[in-house]
């Protein structure tokens, strides 16, 4: 009986080295997915309509804004996203930066959030810890961030985040092709 031996010649790149892990896949999410179904950010703030006609110096305006801030800082996060590998676009609010780049930042859904306007609700702020310093990133740059999302409150001088993201990638925002 004749035995034939076949040798499969594959390019070396096709064979994964022993112990190598495949890189995680990231699901692209939108900001509204961070808000749990049924949460109404204005439910406890019905008296904010009283702001009409108040000046910034009016103590009633300050009290109403303080109430709004307390409600928004306690905004619930979406439990379905905890531990998910996600990709999300947003704007950078640096928390720790140096000459090499940004080492820690908040990701927010709109330009000027936390800097030129009050912070959005906590479930609309992500505290980002890049794996390595994000080079060439500045305040209010639009970026894509990819990594593992966790439901975790983080207080900073710029706002309260309802999520923390361990970022594997921080890259310039590019409009997706349609």
C-alpha atoms as a PDB file:
ATOM      1  CA  UNK A   1       0.000   0.000   0.000  1.00  0.00           C
ATOM      2  CA  UNK A   2       1.308   3.368  -1.003  1.00  0.00           C
ATOM      3  CA  UNK A   3       0.940   6.235   1.457  1.00  0.00           C
ATOM      4  CA  UNK A   4       0.902   9.743   0.284  1.00  0.00           C
ATOM      5  CA  UNK A   5       1.848  12.620   2.510  1.00  0.00           C
ATOM      6  CA  UNK A   6       0.502  16.048   1.688  1.00  0.00           C
ATOM      7  CA  UNK A   7       2.227  19.111   2.908  1.00  0.00           C
ATOM      8  CA  UNK A   8       0.175  22.253   3.091  1.00  0.00           C
ATOM      9  CA  UNK A   9       2.239  25.275   2.207  1.00  0.00           C
ATOM     10  CA  UNK A  10       0.622  28.337   3.711  1.00  0.00           C
ATOM     11  CA  UNK A  11       2.177  31.758   4.023  1.00  0.00           C
ATOM     12  CA  UNK A  12       3.755  32.212   7.423  1.00  0.00           C
ATOM     13  CA  UNK A  13       1.422  35.130   8.189  1.00  0.00           C
ATOM     14  CA  UNK A  14      -1.575  32.789   8.032  1.00  0.00           C
ATOM     15  CA  UNK A  15      -0.408  30.722  10.964  1.00  0.00           C
ATOM     16  CA  UNK A  16      -0.931  32.385  14.341  1.00  0.00           C
ATOM     17  CA  UNK A  17       1.964  31.962  16.746  1.00  0.00           C
ATOM     18  CA  UNK A  18       1.355  29.653  19.675  1.00  0.00           C
ATOM     19  CA  UNK A  19      -0.331  31.512  22.529  1.00  0.00           C
ATOM     20  CA  UNK A  20      -1.272  34.493  20.350  1.00  0.00           C
ATOM     21  CA  UNK A  21      -4.675  36.028  20.896  1.00  0.00           C
ATOM     22  CA  UNK A  22      -6.848  37.391  18.163  1.00  0.00           C
ATOM     23  CA  UNK A  23      -7.430  41.122  18.541  1.00  0.00           C
ATOM     24  CA  UNK A  24     -10.861  42.032  19.928  1.00  0.00           C
ATOM     25  CA  UNK A  25     -13.634  43.099  17.591  1.00  0.00           C
ATOM     26  CA  UNK A  26     -15.309  46.406  18.403  1.00  0.00           C
ATOM     27  CA  UNK A  27     -19.016  47.077  17.937  1.00  0.00           C
ATOM     28  CA  UNK A  28     -19.674  50.639  16.832  1.00  0.00           C
ATOM     29  CA  UNK A  29     -22.182  52.290  19.166  1.00  0.00           C
ATOM     30  CA  UNK A  30     -24.050  55.576  19.221  1.00  0.00           C
ATOM     31  CA  UNK A  31     -24.332  57.908  22.203  1.00  0.00           C
ATOM     32  CA  UNK A  32     -28.022  57.213  22.753  1.00  0.00           C
ATOM     33  CA  UNK A  33     -27.172  53.539  23.472  1.00  0.00           C
ATOM     34  CA  UNK A  34     -25.402  54.701  26.657  1.00  0.00           C
ATOM     35  CA  UNK A  35     -28.751  55.858  28.075  1.00  0.00           C
ATOM     36  CA  UNK A  36     -30.886  53.081  29.608  1.00  0.00           C
ATOM     37  CA  UNK A  37     -34.323  52.611  28.051  1.00  0.00           C
ATOM     38  CA  UNK A  38     -36.964  54.654  29.824  1.00  0.00           C
ATOM     39  CA  UNK A  39     -34.629  57.110  31.562  1.00  0.00           C
ATOM     40  CA  UNK A  40     -35.999  60.653  31.266  1.00  0.00           C
ATOM     41  CA  UNK A  41     -33.343  63.261  32.103  1.00  0.00           C
ATOM     42  CA  UNK A  42     -36.025  65.918  32.591  1.00  0.00           C
ATOM     43  CA  UNK A  43     -38.429  63.897  34.795  1.00  0.00           C
ATOM     44  CA  UNK A  44     -37.157  65.437  38.032  1.00  0.00           C
ATOM     45  CA  UNK A  45     -36.530  68.833  36.451  1.00  0.00           C
ATOM     46  CA  UNK A  46     -40.006  69.960  35.437  1.00  0.00           C
ATOM     47  CA  UNK A  47     -39.519  73.198  37.382  1.00  0.00           C
ATOM     48  CA  UNK A  48     -36.661  74.237  35.073  1.00  0.00           C
ATOM     49  CA  UNK A  49     -39.185  76.075  32.907  1.00  0.00           C
ATOM     50  CA  UNK A  50     -39.076  78.626  35.723  1.00  0.00           C
ATOM     51  CA  UNK A  51     -35.635  79.620  34.411  1.00  0.00           C
ATOM     52  CA  UNK A  52     -37.267  81.705  31.692  1.00  0.00           C
ATOM     53  CA  UNK A  53     -36.814  85.333  32.622  1.00  0.00           C
ATOM     54  CA  UNK A  54     -34.272  84.690  35.401  1.00  0.00           C
ATOM     55  CA  UNK A  55     -30.868  86.326  35.219  1.00  0.00           C
ATOM     56  CA  UNK A  56     -27.627  84.469  35.920  1.00  0.00           C
ATOM     57  CA  UNK A  57     -27.285  86.409  39.170  1.00  0.00           C
ATOM     58  CA  UNK A  58     -30.718  85.309  40.454  1.00  0.00           C
ATOM     59  CA  UNK A  59     -30.311  82.845  43.368  1.00  0.00           C
ATOM     60  CA  UNK A  60     -33.310  80.854  42.051  1.00  0.00           C
ATOM     61  CA  UNK A  61     -31.445  80.221  38.781  1.00  0.00           C
ATOM     62  CA  UNK A  62     -28.392  79.014  40.698  1.00  0.00           C
ATOM     63  CA  UNK A  63     -30.571  76.692  42.825  1.00  0.00           C
ATOM     64  CA  UNK A  64     -32.329  75.199  39.792  1.00  0.00           C
ATOM     65  CA  UNK A  65     -29.022  74.623  37.986  1.00  0.00           C
ATOM     66  CA  UNK A  66     -27.613  72.984  41.124  1.00  0.00           C
ATOM     67  CA  UNK A  67     -30.626  70.644  41.164  1.00  0.00           C
ATOM     68  CA  UNK A  68     -30.127  69.835  37.466  1.00  0.00           C
ATOM     69  CA  UNK A  69     -26.451  69.071  38.043  1.00  0.00           C
ATOM     70  CA  UNK A  70     -27.264  66.696  40.939  1.00  0.00           C
ATOM     71  CA  UNK A  71     -29.815  64.770  38.825  1.00  0.00           C
ATOM     72  CA  UNK A  72     -27.501  64.565  35.801  1.00  0.00           C
ATOM     73  CA  UNK A  73     -24.476  63.488  37.889  1.00  0.00           C
ATOM     74  CA  UNK A  74     -26.550  60.500  39.073  1.00  0.00           C
ATOM     75  CA  UNK A  75     -27.764  59.582  35.579  1.00  0.00           C
ATOM     76  CA  UNK A  76     -27.921  55.780  35.242  1.00  0.00           C
ATOM     77  CA  UNK A  77     -25.734  53.883  32.805  1.00  0.00           C
ATOM     78  CA  UNK A  78     -26.818  51.063  30.504  1.00  0.00           C
ATOM     79  CA  UNK A  79     -26.044  47.661  32.098  1.00  0.00           C
ATOM     80  CA  UNK A  80     -26.159  45.920  28.700  1.00  0.00           C
ATOM     81  CA  UNK A  81     -22.943  47.689  27.678  1.00  0.00           C
ATOM     82  CA  UNK A  82     -20.860  46.706  30.706  1.00  0.00           C
ATOM     83  CA  UNK A  83     -17.756  44.814  29.576  1.00  0.00           C
ATOM     84  CA  UNK A  84     -18.501  45.269  25.862  1.00  0.00           C
ATOM     85  CA  UNK A  85     -15.787  45.996  23.290  1.00  0.00           C
ATOM     86  CA  UNK A  86     -17.030  49.165  21.614  1.00  0.00           C
ATOM     87  CA  UNK A  87     -16.021  51.875  19.185  1.00  0.00           C
ATOM     88  CA  UNK A  88     -17.537  55.341  19.629  1.00  0.00           C
ATOM     89  CA  UNK A  89     -16.830  58.818  18.239  1.00  0.00           C
ATOM     90  CA  UNK A  90     -16.687  61.910  20.406  1.00  0.00           C
ATOM     91  CA  UNK A  91     -14.777  64.984  21.513  1.00  0.00           C
ATOM     92  CA  UNK A  92     -11.745  65.040  23.814  1.00  0.00           C
ATOM     93  CA  UNK A  93     -11.735  66.861  27.156  1.00  0.00           C
ATOM     94  CA  UNK A  94      -8.183  66.320  28.499  1.00  0.00           C
ATOM     95  CA  UNK A  95      -7.726  65.451  32.165  1.00  0.00           C
ATOM     96  CA  UNK A  96      -4.036  64.588  32.060  1.00  0.00           C
ATOM     97  CA  UNK A  97      -1.781  65.709  29.265  1.00  0.00           C
ATOM     98  CA  UNK A  98       1.880  66.370  28.711  1.00  0.00           C
ATOM     99  CA  UNK A  99       4.293  67.134  25.917  1.00  0.00           C
ATOM    100  CA  UNK A 100       3.902  63.581  24.566  1.00  0.00           C
ATOM    101  CA  UNK A 101       0.107  63.685  24.353  1.00  0.00           C
ATOM    102  CA  UNK A 102      -3.046  62.998  26.344  1.00  0.00           C
ATOM    103  CA  UNK A 103      -2.821  60.237  28.979  1.00  0.00           C
ATOM    104  CA  UNK A 104      -6.390  60.509  30.302  1.00  0.00           C
ATOM    105  CA  UNK A 105      -9.495  62.285  29.038  1.00  0.00           C
ATOM    106  CA  UNK A 106     -13.260  62.527  29.005  1.00  0.00           C
ATOM    107  CA  UNK A 107     -15.053  61.660  25.784  1.00  0.00           C
ATOM    108  CA  UNK A 108     -18.197  63.729  25.239  1.00  0.00           C
ATOM    109  CA  UNK A 109     -20.873  63.688  22.514  1.00  0.00           C
ATOM    110  CA  UNK A 110     -20.781  67.309  21.381  1.00  0.00           C
ATOM    111  CA  UNK A 111     -18.271  70.105  20.883  1.00  0.00           C
ATOM    112  CA  UNK A 112     -17.808  72.342  23.920  1.00  0.00           C
ATOM    113  CA  UNK A 113     -19.296  69.949  26.491  1.00  0.00           C
ATOM    114  CA  UNK A 114     -17.602  70.317  29.898  1.00  0.00           C
ATOM    115  CA  UNK A 115     -15.533  73.270  28.646  1.00  0.00           C
ATOM    116  CA  UNK A 116     -17.821  75.910  27.124  1.00  0.00           C
ATOM    117  CA  UNK A 117     -21.056  74.595  28.602  1.00  0.00           C
ATOM    118  CA  UNK A 118     -22.175  72.590  31.632  1.00  0.00           C
ATOM    119  CA  UNK A 119     -21.312  68.886  31.475  1.00  0.00           C
ATOM    120  CA  UNK A 120     -23.922  66.554  30.003  1.00  0.00           C
ATOM    121  CA  UNK A 121     -25.509  63.812  32.146  1.00  0.00           C
ATOM    122  CA  UNK A 122     -23.065  61.201  33.514  1.00  0.00           C
ATOM    123  CA  UNK A 123     -24.385  58.611  31.064  1.00  0.00           C
ATOM    124  CA  UNK A 124     -23.170  60.862  28.249  1.00  0.00           C
ATOM    125  CA  UNK A 125     -19.568  61.154  29.492  1.00  0.00           C
ATOM    126  CA  UNK A 126     -16.929  58.428  29.148  1.00  0.00           C
ATOM    127  CA  UNK A 127     -13.682  58.506  31.150  1.00  0.00           C
ATOM    128  CA  UNK A 128     -11.000  57.219  28.759  1.00  0.00           C
ATOM    129  CA  UNK A 129      -7.716  55.640  29.794  1.00  0.00           C
ATOM    130  CA  UNK A 130      -5.674  54.991  26.639  1.00  0.00           C
ATOM    131  CA  UNK A 131      -3.315  52.000  26.645  1.00  0.00           C
ATOM    132  CA  UNK A 132      -0.592  54.435  25.613  1.00  0.00           C
ATOM    133  CA  UNK A 133      -0.486  58.233  25.459  1.00  0.00           C
ATOM    134  CA  UNK A 134      -2.689  59.561  22.654  1.00  0.00           C
ATOM    135  CA  UNK A 135      -0.232  61.532  20.553  1.00  0.00           C
ATOM    136  CA  UNK A 136      -1.321  64.589  18.591  1.00  0.00           C
ATOM    137  CA  UNK A 137      -4.686  64.779  20.379  1.00  0.00           C
ATOM    138  CA  UNK A 138      -5.801  68.138  21.756  1.00  0.00           C
ATOM    139  CA  UNK A 139      -8.777  69.545  23.584  1.00  0.00           C
ATOM    140  CA  UNK A 140     -12.046  69.198  21.618  1.00  0.00           C
ATOM    141  CA  UNK A 141     -10.473  67.100  18.858  1.00  0.00           C
ATOM    142  CA  UNK A 142     -12.951  64.674  17.312  1.00  0.00           C
ATOM    143  CA  UNK A 143     -11.753  61.078  17.723  1.00  0.00           C
ATOM    144  CA  UNK A 144     -12.824  57.454  17.481  1.00  0.00           C
ATOM    145  CA  UNK A 145     -12.108  55.488  20.662  1.00  0.00           C
ATOM    146  CA  UNK A 146     -12.085  51.678  20.760  1.00  0.00           C
ATOM    147  CA  UNK A 147     -11.828  49.550  23.875  1.00  0.00           C
ATOM    148  CA  UNK A 148     -13.647  47.835  26.715  1.00  0.00           C
ATOM    149  CA  UNK A 149     -16.474  49.850  28.269  1.00  0.00           C
ATOM    150  CA  UNK A 150     -17.316  49.562  31.976  1.00  0.00           C
ATOM    151  CA  UNK A 151     -20.139  51.071  34.010  1.00  0.00           C
ATOM    152  CA  UNK A 152     -18.152  53.042  36.531  1.00  0.00           C
ATOM    153  CA  UNK A 153     -18.683  56.532  37.961  1.00  0.00           C
ATOM    154  CA  UNK A 154     -15.653  58.798  37.768  1.00  0.00           C
ATOM    155  CA  UNK A 155     -15.744  62.318  39.190  1.00  0.00           C
ATOM    156  CA  UNK A 156     -13.416  64.964  37.783  1.00  0.00           C
ATOM    157  CA  UNK A 157     -13.256  68.747  37.778  1.00  0.00           C
ATOM    158  CA  UNK A 158     -14.679  68.688  34.239  1.00  0.00           C
ATOM    159  CA  UNK A 159     -17.704  66.467  34.957  1.00  0.00           C
ATOM    160  CA  UNK A 160     -18.968  63.135  36.257  1.00  0.00           C
ATOM    161  CA  UNK A 161     -18.570  60.200  33.885  1.00  0.00           C
ATOM    162  CA  UNK A 162     -20.899  57.214  34.101  1.00  0.00           C
ATOM    163  CA  UNK A 163     -18.518  54.993  32.135  1.00  0.00           C
ATOM    164  CA  UNK A 164     -14.818  54.149  31.986  1.00  0.00           C
ATOM    165  CA  UNK A 165     -13.227  52.899  28.780  1.00  0.00           C
ATOM    166  CA  UNK A 166      -9.863  51.136  28.639  1.00  0.00           C
ATOM    167  CA  UNK A 167      -8.888  52.322  25.160  1.00  0.00           C
ATOM    168  CA  UNK A 168      -6.840  50.140  22.853  1.00  0.00           C
ATOM    169  CA  UNK A 169      -7.157  52.724  20.062  1.00  0.00           C
ATOM    170  CA  UNK A 170      -7.607  56.488  19.899  1.00  0.00           C
ATOM    171  CA  UNK A 171      -7.644  57.715  16.321  1.00  0.00           C
ATOM    172  CA  UNK A 172      -8.746  60.865  14.465  1.00  0.00           C
ATOM    173  CA  UNK A 173     -12.423  60.946  13.588  1.00  0.00           C
ATOM    174  CA  UNK A 174     -13.192  60.146   9.996  1.00  0.00           C
ATOM    175  CA  UNK A 175     -16.778  60.265   8.779  1.00  0.00           C
ATOM    176  CA  UNK A 176     -17.900  56.689   7.988  1.00  0.00           C
ATOM    177  CA  UNK A 177     -18.643  56.058   4.332  1.00  0.00           C
ATOM    178  CA  UNK A 178     -22.274  55.444   3.507  1.00  0.00           C
END
